[in-house]
Amino acid sequence: MRGKRSTEKRLREIKVRFNDAEFEKLMEETARSGLSREDFCRRILAGAEVTAAHPEDLSRAIVRLRDAEQMIIRSAGRNGMELDAGGTDSLLMTLYEAEKDIAASCG
């Protein structure tokens, strides 16, 4: 579910404590939905039914992350910055594993 975001700035903050089971459930539901914990809670409070993210949405997100990574690498190179090859390899491996998980969940 994608909707218009409120233009009103969020100024109120609360701290919520969860037991282990509640926290695990929140983490599972947010991972399944593809939303942040904050967006998930806001949508639930608004009465929205939060469903699982579509694999196509997740795949597009991975592509965007890869594009962003390449832009960072190119920009760093143009500005004479050294890149940590191990960190770049780790990011690529994480993206690859996420892509495999998405493909497996699609059947």
Protein backbone atom coordinates (compact mmCIF):
# COMPACT_ATOMS: atom_id res chain seq x y z
CA MET A 1 0.00 0.00 0.00
CA ARG A 2 1.54 3.25 -1.11
CA GLY A 3 -0.18 6.47 -0.22
CA LYS A 4 0.46 10.16 0.00
CA ARG A 5 2.75 11.10 2.80
CA SER A 6 1.58 13.68 5.26
CA THR A 7 3.23 17.04 4.76
CA GLU A 8 2.94 17.73 8.47
CA LYS A 9 6.30 17.43 10.20
CA ARG A 10 6.47 14.74 12.87
CA LEU A 11 7.61 16.31 16.11
CA ARG A 12 6.31 13.84 18.70
CA GLU A 13 8.45 10.90 19.77
CA ILE A 14 7.63 8.00 22.06
CA LYS A 15 9.63 5.15 23.46
CA VAL A 16 7.93 1.75 23.50
CA ARG A 17 9.18 -1.32 25.31
CA PHE A 18 8.49 -4.83 24.00
CA ASN A 19 9.10 -8.25 25.45
CA ASP A 20 11.18 -10.63 23.32
CA ALA A 21 8.15 -12.28 21.66
CA GLU A 22 6.52 -8.94 20.81
CA PHE A 23 9.76 -7.53 19.41
CA GLU A 24 10.37 -10.65 17.31
CA LYS A 25 6.82 -10.44 15.93
CA LEU A 26 7.32 -6.76 15.06
CA MET A 27 10.61 -7.53 13.31
CA GLU A 28 9.05 -10.42 11.34
CA GLU A 29 6.07 -8.32 10.25
CA THR A 30 8.17 -5.34 9.21
CA ALA A 31 10.56 -7.58 7.26
CA ARG A 32 7.63 -9.27 5.54
CA SER A 33 6.05 -5.93 4.68
CA GLY A 34 9.25 -4.26 3.52
CA LEU A 35 8.47 -1.26 5.73
CA SER A 36 10.48 0.35 8.48
CA ARG A 37 9.22 -0.24 12.02
CA GLU A 38 8.03 3.37 12.15
CA ASP A 39 6.11 3.21 8.86
CA PHE A 40 4.64 -0.16 9.82
CA CYS A 41 3.32 1.19 13.15
CA ARG A 42 1.97 4.37 11.52
CA ARG A 43 0.07 2.34 8.93
CA ILE A 44 -1.37 0.01 11.56
CA LEU A 45 -2.49 3.03 13.62
CA ALA A 46 -4.11 4.53 10.52
CA GLY A 47 -6.15 1.33 10.15
CA ALA A 48 -4.38 0.09 7.05
CA GLU A 49 -4.02 -3.60 6.33
CA VAL A 50 -0.29 -4.15 5.96
CA THR A 51 0.55 -6.93 3.53
CA ALA A 52 3.74 -8.59 2.39
CA ALA A 53 5.91 -6.66 0.01
CA HIS A 54 5.70 -7.83 -3.56
CA PRO A 55 8.85 -9.59 -4.78
CA GLU A 56 8.94 -7.21 -7.76
CA ASP A 57 9.12 -4.25 -5.36
CA LEU A 58 11.97 -5.89 -3.47
CA SER A 59 13.82 -6.71 -6.68
CA ARG A 60 13.50 -3.10 -7.84
CA ALA A 61 14.82 -1.97 -4.46
CA ILE A 62 17.88 -4.18 -4.87
CA VAL A 63 18.51 -2.75 -8.33
CA ARG A 64 18.25 0.78 -6.90
CA LEU A 65 20.73 -0.15 -4.14
CA ARG A 66 23.16 -1.52 -6.70
CA ASP A 67 22.81 1.63 -8.80
CA ALA A 68 23.42 3.78 -5.73
CA GLU A 69 26.49 1.76 -4.83
CA GLN A 70 27.91 2.22 -8.32
CA MET A 71 27.23 5.96 -8.16
CA ILE A 72 29.09 6.14 -4.83
CA ILE A 73 32.04 4.21 -6.24
CA ARG A 74 32.24 6.43 -9.33
CA SER A 75 31.85 9.63 -7.30
CA ALA A 76 34.52 8.57 -4.82
CA GLY A 77 36.89 7.75 -7.67
CA ARG A 78 36.31 11.13 -9.30
CA ASN A 79 37.03 12.88 -6.00
CA GLY A 80 40.24 10.93 -5.35
CA MET A 81 38.85 8.96 -2.42
CA GLU A 82 40.07 5.45 -1.71
CA LEU A 83 37.44 2.75 -1.35
CA ASP A 84 37.61 -0.21 0.94
CA ALA A 85 37.43 -3.14 -1.49
CA GLY A 86 36.42 -5.51 1.31
CA GLY A 87 33.47 -3.33 2.25
CA THR A 88 32.37 -3.08 -1.37
CA ASP A 89 32.64 -6.85 -1.80
CA SER A 90 30.65 -7.36 1.40
CA LEU A 91 27.88 -5.05 0.17
CA LEU A 92 27.69 -6.81 -3.18
CA MET A 93 27.53 -10.20 -1.45
CA THR A 94 24.74 -8.99 0.84
CA LEU A 95 22.77 -7.74 -2.18
CA TYR A 96 23.36 -11.03 -3.99
CA GLU A 97 22.12 -13.04 -0.99
CA ALA A 98 19.03 -10.82 -0.70
CA GLU A 99 18.30 -11.32 -4.38
CA LYS A 100 18.59 -15.10 -3.97
CA ASP A 101 16.20 -15.00 -1.00
CA ILE A 102 13.66 -13.02 -3.02
CA ALA A 103 13.93 -15.44 -5.93
CA ALA A 104 13.45 -18.39 -3.57
CA SER A 105 10.37 -16.81 -1.98
CA CYS A 106 8.82 -16.34 -5.43
CA GLY A 107 8.91 -20.06 -6.01
